[in-house]
Full PDB file with SEQRES, HELIX, SHEET, SSBOND, CRYST1, ORIGX, SCALE, CONECT and MASTER records, all heavy atoms in Angstrom:
SEQRES   1 A   39  ALA ALA ILE ALA ALA THR MET MET CYS ALA GLY ALA GLN          
SEQRES   2 A   39  ALA LYS VAL TRP ASN TYR ALA GLU VAL LEU ILE VAL GLY          
SEQRES   3 A   39  ASN SER PHE GLY GLY GLY SER TYR ILE ARG LEU ASN SER          
HELIX    1 AA1 ALA A    2  GLY A   11  1                                  10    
SHEET    1 AA1 2 GLU A  21  ASN A  27  0                                        
SHEET    2 AA1 2 SER A  33  ASN A  38 -1                                        
CRYST1    1.000    1.000    1.000  90.00  90.00  90.00 P 1           1          
ORIGX1      1.000000  0.000000  0.000000        0.00000                         
ORIGX2      0.000000  1.000000  0.000000        0.00000                         
ORIGX3      0.000000  0.000000  1.000000        0.00000                         
SCALE1      1.000000  0.000000  0.000000        0.00000                         
SCALE2      0.000000  1.000000  0.000000        0.00000                         
SCALE3      0.000000  0.000000  1.000000        0.00000                         
ATOM      1  N   ALA A   1     -38.274 -90.220 194.278  1.00  0.00           N  
ATOM      2  CA  ALA A   1     -37.924 -88.827 194.411  1.00  0.00           C  
ATOM      3  C   ALA A   1     -39.082 -87.909 193.865  1.00  0.00           C  
ATOM      4  O   ALA A   1     -39.395 -86.906 194.455  1.00  0.00           O  
ATOM      5  CB  ALA A   1     -36.604 -88.493 193.713  1.00  0.00           C  
ATOM      6  N   ALA A   2     -39.682 -88.307 192.769  1.00  0.00           N  
ATOM      7  CA  ALA A   2     -40.762 -87.566 192.083  1.00  0.00           C  
ATOM      8  C   ALA A   2     -41.980 -87.565 192.993  1.00  0.00           C  
ATOM      9  O   ALA A   2     -42.615 -86.616 193.228  1.00  0.00           O  
ATOM     10  CB  ALA A   2     -41.046 -88.188 190.781  1.00  0.00           C  
ATOM     11  N   ILE A   3     -42.278 -88.729 193.588  1.00  0.00           N  
ATOM     12  CA  ILE A   3     -43.435 -88.777 194.556  1.00  0.00           C  
ATOM     13  C   ILE A   3     -43.200 -87.925 195.766  1.00  0.00           C  
ATOM     14  O   ILE A   3     -44.085 -87.247 196.215  1.00  0.00           O  
ATOM     15  CB  ILE A   3     -43.687 -90.295 194.956  1.00  0.00           C  
ATOM     16  CG1 ILE A   3     -44.148 -91.050 193.720  1.00  0.00           C  
ATOM     17  CG2 ILE A   3     -44.646 -90.406 196.106  1.00  0.00           C  
ATOM     18  CD1 ILE A   3     -44.262 -92.595 193.950  1.00  0.00           C  
ATOM     19  N   ALA A   4     -41.998 -87.996 196.340  1.00  0.00           N  
ATOM     20  CA  ALA A   4     -41.652 -87.194 197.486  1.00  0.00           C  
ATOM     21  C   ALA A   4     -41.760 -85.712 197.164  1.00  0.00           C  
ATOM     22  O   ALA A   4     -42.352 -84.964 197.933  1.00  0.00           O  
ATOM     23  CB  ALA A   4     -40.290 -87.508 198.006  1.00  0.00           C  
ATOM     24  N   ALA A   5     -41.291 -85.285 196.030  1.00  0.00           N  
ATOM     25  CA  ALA A   5     -41.353 -83.873 195.652  1.00  0.00           C  
ATOM     26  C   ALA A   5     -42.799 -83.408 195.495  1.00  0.00           C  
ATOM     27  O   ALA A   5     -43.201 -82.345 195.842  1.00  0.00           O  
ATOM     28  CB  ALA A   5     -40.583 -83.591 194.342  1.00  0.00           C  
ATOM     29  N   THR A   6     -43.651 -84.255 194.867  1.00  0.00           N  
ATOM     30  CA  THR A   6     -45.005 -83.973 194.683  1.00  0.00           C  
ATOM     31  C   THR A   6     -45.751 -83.804 196.015  1.00  0.00           C  
ATOM     32  O   THR A   6     -46.530 -82.912 196.200  1.00  0.00           O  
ATOM     33  CB  THR A   6     -45.712 -85.091 193.824  1.00  0.00           C  
ATOM     34  OG1 THR A   6     -45.027 -85.182 192.604  1.00  0.00           O  
ATOM     35  CG2 THR A   6     -47.176 -84.774 193.626  1.00  0.00           C  
ATOM     36  N   MET A   7     -45.425 -84.622 196.982  1.00  0.00           N  
ATOM     37  CA  MET A   7     -46.050 -84.630 198.286  1.00  0.00           C  
ATOM     38  C   MET A   7     -45.701 -83.351 199.006  1.00  0.00           C  
ATOM     39  O   MET A   7     -46.475 -82.739 199.727  1.00  0.00           O  
ATOM     40  CB  MET A   7     -45.680 -85.821 199.034  1.00  0.00           C  
ATOM     41  CG  MET A   7     -46.425 -87.069 198.550  1.00  0.00           C  
ATOM     42  SD  MET A   7     -45.839 -88.614 199.388  1.00  0.00           S  
ATOM     43  CE  MET A   7     -46.295 -88.285 201.063  1.00  0.00           C  
ATOM     44  N   MET A   8     -44.389 -82.954 198.907  1.00  0.00           N  
ATOM     45  CA  MET A   8     -43.944 -81.737 199.548  1.00  0.00           C  
ATOM     46  C   MET A   8     -44.618 -80.526 198.949  1.00  0.00           C  
ATOM     47  O   MET A   8     -45.003 -79.548 199.659  1.00  0.00           O  
ATOM     48  CB  MET A   8     -42.444 -81.637 199.480  1.00  0.00           C  
ATOM     49  CG  MET A   8     -41.660 -82.589 200.322  1.00  0.00           C  
ATOM     50  SD  MET A   8     -39.925 -82.718 200.084  1.00  0.00           S  
ATOM     51  CE  MET A   8     -39.471 -80.983 200.253  1.00  0.00           C  
ATOM     52  N   CYS A   9     -44.706 -80.450 197.702  1.00  0.00           N  
ATOM     53  CA  CYS A   9     -45.393 -79.290 197.013  1.00  0.00           C  
ATOM     54  C   CYS A   9     -46.919 -79.208 197.364  1.00  0.00           C  
ATOM     55  O   CYS A   9     -47.382 -78.176 197.519  1.00  0.00           O  
ATOM     56  CB  CYS A   9     -45.281 -79.452 195.492  1.00  0.00           C  
ATOM     57  SG  CYS A   9     -43.552 -79.129 194.911  1.00  0.00           S  
ATOM     58  N   ALA A  10     -47.553 -80.341 197.475  1.00  0.00           N  
ATOM     59  CA  ALA A  10     -48.922 -80.374 197.839  1.00  0.00           C  
ATOM     60  C   ALA A  10     -49.176 -79.860 199.254  1.00  0.00           C  
ATOM     61  O   ALA A  10     -50.233 -79.243 199.551  1.00  0.00           O  
ATOM     62  CB  ALA A  10     -49.514 -81.771 197.692  1.00  0.00           C  
ATOM     63  N   GLY A  11     -48.162 -80.093 200.151  1.00  0.00           N  
ATOM     64  CA  GLY A  11     -48.392 -79.594 201.499  1.00  0.00           C  
ATOM     65  C   GLY A  11     -48.030 -78.116 201.690  1.00  0.00           C  
ATOM     66  O   GLY A  11     -48.389 -77.568 202.671  1.00  0.00           O  
ATOM     67  N   ALA A  12     -47.334 -77.540 200.746  1.00  0.00           N  
ATOM     68  CA  ALA A  12     -47.023 -76.148 200.870  1.00  0.00           C  
ATOM     69  C   ALA A  12     -48.219 -75.262 200.667  1.00  0.00           C  
ATOM     70  O   ALA A  12     -49.119 -75.598 199.879  1.00  0.00           O  
ATOM     71  CB  ALA A  12     -45.938 -75.800 199.773  1.00  0.00           C  
ATOM     72  N   GLN A  13     -48.315 -74.156 201.384  1.00  0.00           N  
ATOM     73  CA  GLN A  13     -49.418 -73.260 201.246  1.00  0.00           C  
ATOM     74  C   GLN A  13     -49.202 -72.263 200.086  1.00  0.00           C  
ATOM     75  O   GLN A  13     -48.119 -71.680 200.045  1.00  0.00           O  
ATOM     76  CB  GLN A  13     -49.641 -72.485 202.550  1.00  0.00           C  
ATOM     77  CG  GLN A  13     -50.107 -73.428 203.608  1.00  0.00           C  
ATOM     78  CD  GLN A  13     -50.388 -72.634 204.960  1.00  0.00           C  
ATOM     79  OE1 GLN A  13     -49.954 -71.534 205.064  1.00  0.00           O  
ATOM     80  NE2 GLN A  13     -51.110 -73.228 205.834  1.00  0.00           N  
ATOM     81  N   ALA A  14     -50.184 -72.022 199.383  1.00  0.00           N  
ATOM     82  CA  ALA A  14     -50.099 -71.077 198.320  1.00  0.00           C  
ATOM     83  C   ALA A  14     -50.254 -69.672 198.878  1.00  0.00           C  
ATOM     84  O   ALA A  14     -50.849 -69.491 199.932  1.00  0.00           O  
ATOM     85  CB  ALA A  14     -51.232 -71.263 197.248  1.00  0.00           C  
ATOM     86  N   LYS A  15     -49.640 -68.666 198.249  1.00  0.00           N  
ATOM     87  CA  LYS A  15     -49.738 -67.315 198.716  1.00  0.00           C  
ATOM     88  C   LYS A  15     -50.246 -66.453 197.576  1.00  0.00           C  
ATOM     89  O   LYS A  15     -49.877 -66.622 196.472  1.00  0.00           O  
ATOM     90  CB  LYS A  15     -48.317 -66.845 199.231  1.00  0.00           C  
ATOM     91  CG  LYS A  15     -47.878 -67.615 200.425  1.00  0.00           C  
ATOM     92  CD  LYS A  15     -46.505 -67.130 200.879  1.00  0.00           C  
ATOM     93  CE  LYS A  15     -45.971 -68.031 201.971  1.00  0.00           C  
ATOM     94  NZ  LYS A  15     -44.557 -67.803 202.230  1.00  0.00           N  
ATOM     95  N   VAL A  16     -51.031 -65.465 197.969  1.00  0.00           N  
ATOM     96  CA  VAL A  16     -51.605 -64.530 197.034  1.00  0.00           C  
ATOM     97  C   VAL A  16     -51.392 -63.094 197.431  1.00  0.00           C  
ATOM     98  O   VAL A  16     -51.133 -62.860 198.582  1.00  0.00           O  
ATOM     99  CB  VAL A  16     -53.185 -64.761 196.816  1.00  0.00           C  
ATOM    100  CG1 VAL A  16     -53.442 -66.120 196.237  1.00  0.00           C  
ATOM    101  CG2 VAL A  16     -53.910 -64.568 198.177  1.00  0.00           C  
ATOM    102  N   TRP A  17     -51.476 -62.202 196.455  1.00  0.00           N  
ATOM    103  CA  TRP A  17     -51.268 -60.766 196.706  1.00  0.00           C  
ATOM    104  C   TRP A  17     -52.558 -60.077 196.647  1.00  0.00           C  
ATOM    105  O   TRP A  17     -53.428 -60.393 195.802  1.00  0.00           O  
ATOM    106  CB  TRP A  17     -50.384 -60.206 195.665  1.00  0.00           C  
ATOM    107  CG  TRP A  17     -48.868 -60.668 195.890  1.00  0.00           C  
ATOM    108  CD1 TRP A  17     -48.316 -61.721 195.339  1.00  0.00           C  
ATOM    109  CD2 TRP A  17     -47.927 -60.060 196.676  1.00  0.00           C  
ATOM    110  NE1 TRP A  17     -47.012 -61.839 195.765  1.00  0.00           N  
ATOM    111  CE2 TRP A  17     -46.756 -60.797 196.600  1.00  0.00           C  
ATOM    112  CE3 TRP A  17     -47.883 -58.913 197.509  1.00  0.00           C  
ATOM    113  CZ2 TRP A  17     -45.593 -60.523 197.304  1.00  0.00           C  
ATOM    114  CZ3 TRP A  17     -46.740 -58.547 198.145  1.00  0.00           C  
ATOM    115  CH2 TRP A  17     -45.571 -59.364 198.062  1.00  0.00           C  
ATOM    116  N   ASN A  18     -52.896 -59.132 197.548  1.00  0.00           N  
ATOM    117  CA  ASN A  18     -54.062 -58.283 197.563  1.00  0.00           C  
ATOM    118  C   ASN A  18     -53.707 -56.862 198.004  1.00  0.00           C  
ATOM    119  O   ASN A  18     -52.861 -56.629 198.819  1.00  0.00           O  
ATOM    120  CB  ASN A  18     -55.093 -58.802 198.597  1.00  0.00           C  
ATOM    121  CG  ASN A  18     -55.635 -60.139 198.292  1.00  0.00           C  
ATOM    122  OD1 ASN A  18     -55.181 -61.187 198.682  1.00  0.00           O  
ATOM    123  ND2 ASN A  18     -56.734 -60.136 197.573  1.00  0.00           N  
ATOM    124  N   TYR A  19     -54.482 -55.907 197.377  1.00  0.00           N  
ATOM    125  CA  TYR A  19     -54.497 -54.557 197.922  1.00  0.00           C  
ATOM    126  C   TYR A  19     -55.593 -54.515 199.011  1.00  0.00           C  
ATOM    127  O   TYR A  19     -56.651 -55.180 198.933  1.00  0.00           O  
ATOM    128  CB  TYR A  19     -54.859 -53.567 196.811  1.00  0.00           C  
ATOM    129  CG  TYR A  19     -53.757 -53.354 195.852  1.00  0.00           C  
ATOM    130  CD1 TYR A  19     -53.697 -54.049 194.717  1.00  0.00           C  
ATOM    131  CD2 TYR A  19     -52.757 -52.408 196.198  1.00  0.00           C  
ATOM    132  CE1 TYR A  19     -52.636 -53.863 193.787  1.00  0.00           C  
ATOM    133  CE2 TYR A  19     -51.704 -52.257 195.276  1.00  0.00           C  
ATOM    134  CZ  TYR A  19     -51.608 -52.923 194.074  1.00  0.00           C  
ATOM    135  OH  TYR A  19     -50.626 -52.793 193.225  1.00  0.00           O  
ATOM    136  N   ALA A  20     -55.268 -53.807 200.084  1.00  0.00           N  
ATOM    137  CA  ALA A  20     -56.235 -53.809 201.222  1.00  0.00           C  
ATOM    138  C   ALA A  20     -56.233 -52.399 201.948  1.00  0.00           C  
ATOM    139  O   ALA A  20     -55.291 -51.575 201.823  1.00  0.00           O  
ATOM    140  CB  ALA A  20     -55.843 -54.873 202.243  1.00  0.00           C  
ATOM    141  N   GLU A  21     -57.345 -52.211 202.666  1.00  0.00           N  
ATOM    142  CA  GLU A  21     -57.484 -51.067 203.546  1.00  0.00           C  
ATOM    143  C   GLU A  21     -57.316 -51.511 204.988  1.00  0.00           C  
ATOM    144  O   GLU A  21     -57.889 -52.533 205.410  1.00  0.00           O  
ATOM    145  CB  GLU A  21     -58.884 -50.514 203.323  1.00  0.00           C  
ATOM    146  CG  GLU A  21     -59.280 -49.466 204.367  1.00  0.00           C  
ATOM    147  CD  GLU A  21     -60.760 -49.123 204.304  1.00  0.00           C  
ATOM    148  OE1 GLU A  21     -61.562 -49.881 203.671  1.00  0.00           O  
ATOM    149  OE2 GLU A  21     -61.102 -48.088 204.853  1.00  0.00           O  
ATOM    150  N   VAL A  22     -56.460 -50.802 205.776  1.00  0.00           N  
ATOM    151  CA  VAL A  22     -56.313 -51.147 207.138  1.00  0.00           C  
ATOM    152  C   VAL A  22     -57.440 -50.537 208.017  1.00  0.00           C  
ATOM    153  O   VAL A  22     -57.741 -49.382 207.995  1.00  0.00           O  
ATOM    154  CB  VAL A  22     -54.933 -50.711 207.722  1.00  0.00           C  
ATOM    155  CG1 VAL A  22     -54.747 -51.012 209.168  1.00  0.00           C  
ATOM    156  CG2 VAL A  22     -53.798 -51.228 206.909  1.00  0.00           C  
ATOM    157  N   LEU A  23     -58.101 -51.451 208.819  1.00  0.00           N  
ATOM    158  CA  LEU A  23     -59.173 -50.993 209.721  1.00  0.00           C  
ATOM    159  C   LEU A  23     -58.653 -50.870 211.141  1.00  0.00           C  
ATOM    160  O   LEU A  23     -58.951 -49.840 211.811  1.00  0.00           O  
ATOM    161  CB  LEU A  23     -60.348 -51.942 209.683  1.00  0.00           C  
ATOM    162  CG  LEU A  23     -61.002 -52.167 208.263  1.00  0.00           C  
ATOM    163  CD1 LEU A  23     -61.997 -53.241 208.349  1.00  0.00           C  
ATOM    164  CD2 LEU A  23     -61.495 -50.924 207.732  1.00  0.00           C  
ATOM    165  N   ILE A  24     -57.985 -51.915 211.624  1.00  0.00           N  
ATOM    166  CA  ILE A  24     -57.467 -51.913 213.023  1.00  0.00           C  
ATOM    167  C   ILE A  24     -56.132 -52.590 213.050  1.00  0.00           C  
ATOM    168  O   ILE A  24     -55.869 -53.583 212.375  1.00  0.00           O  
ATOM    169  CB  ILE A  24     -58.422 -52.753 213.890  1.00  0.00           C  
ATOM    170  CG1 ILE A  24     -59.854 -52.102 213.955  1.00  0.00           C  
ATOM    171  CG2 ILE A  24     -57.933 -52.841 215.403  1.00  0.00           C  
ATOM    172  CD1 ILE A  24     -60.844 -52.931 214.682  1.00  0.00           C  
ATOM    173  N   VAL A  25     -55.216 -52.025 213.970  1.00  0.00           N  
ATOM    174  CA  VAL A  25     -53.883 -52.668 214.143  1.00  0.00           C  
ATOM    175  C   VAL A  25     -53.731 -52.897 215.602  1.00  0.00           C  
ATOM    176  O   VAL A  25     -54.135 -52.037 216.410  1.00  0.00           O  
ATOM    177  CB  VAL A  25     -52.795 -51.626 213.661  1.00  0.00           C  
ATOM    178  CG1 VAL A  25     -51.470 -52.174 213.917  1.00  0.00           C  
ATOM    179  CG2 VAL A  25     -53.000 -51.211 212.298  1.00  0.00           C  
ATOM    180  N   GLY A  26     -53.193 -54.041 215.937  1.00  0.00           N  
ATOM    181  CA  GLY A  26     -53.010 -54.272 217.426  1.00  0.00           C  
ATOM    182  C   GLY A  26     -52.195 -55.532 217.670  1.00  0.00           C  
ATOM    183  O   GLY A  26     -51.921 -56.358 216.866  1.00  0.00           O  
ATOM    184  N   ASN A  27     -51.882 -55.721 219.035  1.00  0.00           N  
ATOM    185  CA  ASN A  27     -51.163 -56.869 219.489  1.00  0.00           C  
ATOM    186  C   ASN A  27     -52.023 -57.588 220.478  1.00  0.00           C  
ATOM    187  O   ASN A  27     -52.816 -56.982 221.134  1.00  0.00           O  
ATOM    188  CB  ASN A  27     -49.878 -56.450 220.252  1.00  0.00           C  
ATOM    189  CG  ASN A  27     -48.772 -55.955 219.350  1.00  0.00           C  
ATOM    190  OD1 ASN A  27     -48.545 -56.605 218.341  1.00  0.00           O  
ATOM    191  ND2 ASN A  27     -48.191 -54.886 219.680  1.00  0.00           N  
ATOM    192  N   SER A  28     -51.893 -58.915 220.562  1.00  0.00           N  
ATOM    193  CA  SER A  28     -52.672 -59.722 221.536  1.00  0.00           C  
ATOM    194  C   SER A  28     -51.808 -59.831 222.769  1.00  0.00           C  
ATOM    195  O   SER A  28     -50.667 -59.592 222.756  1.00  0.00           O  
ATOM    196  CB  SER A  28     -53.021 -61.067 221.004  1.00  0.00           C  
ATOM    197  OG  SER A  28     -51.839 -61.874 220.869  1.00  0.00           O  
ATOM    198  N   PHE A  29     -52.449 -60.189 223.940  1.00  0.00           N  
ATOM    199  CA  PHE A  29     -51.767 -60.440 225.092  1.00  0.00           C  
ATOM    200  C   PHE A  29     -50.773 -61.584 224.990  1.00  0.00           C  
ATOM    201  O   PHE A  29     -49.778 -61.655 225.694  1.00  0.00           O  
ATOM    202  CB  PHE A  29     -52.749 -60.704 226.229  1.00  0.00           C  
ATOM    203  CG  PHE A  29     -53.461 -59.408 226.641  1.00  0.00           C  
ATOM    204  CD1 PHE A  29     -54.856 -59.368 226.468  1.00  0.00           C  
ATOM    205  CD2 PHE A  29     -52.817 -58.323 227.217  1.00  0.00           C  
ATOM    206  CE1 PHE A  29     -55.590 -58.207 226.777  1.00  0.00           C  
ATOM    207  CE2 PHE A  29     -53.546 -57.194 227.575  1.00  0.00           C  
ATOM    208  CZ  PHE A  29     -54.847 -57.185 227.339  1.00  0.00           C  
ATOM    209  N   GLY A  30     -51.040 -62.489 224.075  1.00  0.00           N  
ATOM    210  CA  GLY A  30     -50.159 -63.674 223.893  1.00  0.00           C  
ATOM    211  C   GLY A  30     -48.932 -63.366 223.075  1.00  0.00           C  
ATOM    212  O   GLY A  30     -48.063 -64.132 222.828  1.00  0.00           O  
ATOM    213  N   GLY A  31     -48.886 -62.129 222.537  1.00  0.00           N  
ATOM    214  CA  GLY A  31     -47.695 -61.670 221.814  1.00  0.00           C  
ATOM    215  C   GLY A  31     -47.839 -61.593 220.343  1.00  0.00           C  
ATOM    216  O   GLY A  31     -46.911 -61.123 219.624  1.00  0.00           O  
ATOM    217  N   GLY A  32     -48.897 -62.067 219.776  1.00  0.00           N  
ATOM    218  CA  GLY A  32     -49.085 -62.012 218.302  1.00  0.00           C  
ATOM    219  C   GLY A  32     -49.536 -60.635 217.837  1.00  0.00           C  
ATOM    220  O   GLY A  32     -50.109 -59.845 218.636  1.00  0.00           O  
ATOM    221  N   SER A  33     -49.301 -60.273 216.620  1.00  0.00           N  
ATOM    222  CA  SER A  33     -49.635 -58.996 216.004  1.00  0.00           C  
ATOM    223  C   SER A  33     -50.711 -59.231 214.958  1.00  0.00           C  
ATOM    224  O   SER A  33     -50.543 -60.160 214.180  1.00  0.00           O  
ATOM    225  CB  SER A  33     -48.497 -58.253 215.427  1.00  0.00           C  
ATOM    226  OG  SER A  33     -47.607 -57.939 216.419  1.00  0.00           O  
ATOM    227  N   TYR A  34     -51.780 -58.485 215.029  1.00  0.00           N  
ATOM    228  CA  TYR A  34     -52.901 -58.665 214.078  1.00  0.00           C  
ATOM    229  C   TYR A  34     -53.293 -57.368 213.435  1.00  0.00           C  
ATOM    230  O   TYR A  34     -53.170 -56.304 214.049  1.00  0.00           O  
ATOM    231  CB  TYR A  34     -54.084 -59.273 214.817  1.00  0.00           C  
ATOM    232  CG  TYR A  34     -53.805 -60.688 215.412  1.00  0.00           C  
ATOM    233  CD1 TYR A  34     -53.172 -60.863 216.646  1.00  0.00           C  
ATOM    234  CD2 TYR A  34     -54.116 -61.813 214.655  1.00  0.00           C  
ATOM    235  CE1 TYR A  34     -52.925 -62.079 217.119  1.00  0.00           C  
ATOM    236  CE2 TYR A  34     -53.837 -63.078 215.166  1.00  0.00           C  
ATOM    237  CZ  TYR A  34     -53.253 -63.215 216.426  1.00  0.00           C  
ATOM    238  OH  TYR A  34     -52.974 -64.420 216.875  1.00  0.00           O  
ATOM    239  N   ILE A  35     -53.882 -57.491 212.239  1.00  0.00           N  
ATOM    240  CA  ILE A  35     -54.551 -56.303 211.637  1.00  0.00           C  
ATOM    241  C   ILE A  35     -55.808 -56.790 210.975  1.00  0.00           C  
ATOM    242  O   ILE A  35     -55.905 -57.968 210.538  1.00  0.00           O  
ATOM    243  CB  ILE A  35     -53.633 -55.601 210.592  1.00  0.00           C  
ATOM    244  CG1 ILE A  35     -53.203 -56.540 209.474  1.00  0.00           C  
ATOM    245  CG2 ILE A  35     -52.441 -54.944 211.172  1.00  0.00           C  
ATOM    246  CD1 ILE A  35     -52.357 -55.843 208.411  1.00  0.00           C  
ATOM    247  N   ARG A  36     -56.859 -55.905 210.994  1.00  0.00           N  
ATOM    248  CA  ARG A  36     -58.055 -56.204 210.398  1.00  0.00           C  
ATOM    249  C   ARG A  36     -58.154 -55.426 209.035  1.00  0.00           C  
ATOM    250  O   ARG A  36     -57.918 -54.203 209.072  1.00  0.00           O  
ATOM    251  CB  ARG A  36     -59.245 -55.813 211.326  1.00  0.00           C  
ATOM    252  CG  ARG A  36     -60.597 -56.368 210.866  1.00  0.00           C  
ATOM    253  CD  ARG A  36     -61.614 -56.196 211.946  1.00  0.00           C  
ATOM    254  NE  ARG A  36     -61.404 -57.078 213.126  1.00  0.00           N  
ATOM    255  CZ  ARG A  36     -61.757 -58.393 213.240  1.00  0.00           C  
ATOM    256  NH1 ARG A  36     -62.253 -58.984 212.134  1.00  0.00           N  
ATOM    257  NH2 ARG A  36     -61.491 -59.102 214.289  1.00  0.00           N  
ATOM    258  N   LEU A  37     -58.535 -56.111 207.987  1.00  0.00           N  
ATOM    259  CA  LEU A  37     -58.462 -55.481 206.655  1.00  0.00           C  
ATOM    260  C   LEU A  37     -59.700 -55.666 205.819  1.00  0.00           C  
ATOM    261  O   LEU A  37     -60.475 -56.599 206.069  1.00  0.00           O  
ATOM    262  CB  LEU A  37     -57.316 -56.120 205.851  1.00  0.00           C  
ATOM    263  CG  LEU A  37     -55.907 -56.152 206.467  1.00  0.00           C  
ATOM    264  CD1 LEU A  37     -54.988 -56.952 205.615  1.00  0.00           C  
ATOM    265  CD2 LEU A  37     -55.438 -54.705 206.542  1.00  0.00           C  
ATOM    266  N   ASN A  38     -59.914 -54.779 204.860  1.00  0.00           N  
ATOM    267  CA  ASN A  38     -60.899 -54.864 203.826  1.00  0.00           C  
ATOM    268  C   ASN A  38     -60.071 -54.972 202.485  1.00  0.00           C  
ATOM    269  O   ASN A  38     -59.077 -54.235 202.304  1.00  0.00           O  
ATOM    270  CB  ASN A  38     -61.783 -53.680 203.719  1.00  0.00           C  
ATOM    271  CG  ASN A  38     -62.820 -53.624 204.752  1.00  0.00           C  
ATOM    272  OD1 ASN A  38     -63.203 -54.560 205.338  1.00  0.00           O  
ATOM    273  ND2 ASN A  38     -63.339 -52.417 204.995  1.00  0.00           N  
ATOM    274  N   SER A  39     -60.455 -55.933 201.658  1.00  0.00           N  
ATOM    275  CA  SER A  39     -59.820 -55.979 200.312  1.00  0.00           C  
ATOM    276  C   SER A  39     -60.299 -54.890 199.445  1.00  0.00           C  
ATOM    277  O   SER A  39     -61.344 -54.303 199.592  1.00  0.00           O  
ATOM    278  CB  SER A  39     -60.065 -57.342 199.649  1.00  0.00           C  
ATOM    279  OG  SER A  39     -61.439 -57.515 199.376  1.00  0.00           O  
TER     280      SER A  39                                                      
MASTER        0    0    0    1    2    0    0    6  279    1    0    3          
END                                                                             
């Protein structure tokens, strides 16, 4: 159980917080939404 939990945690992506400036906002033809930023 300890090994399995360690493997699951290692596969998870870390997330960080940033302040940013928005440069461009838009949607792709494939349906995704994107923004271009400066930190």
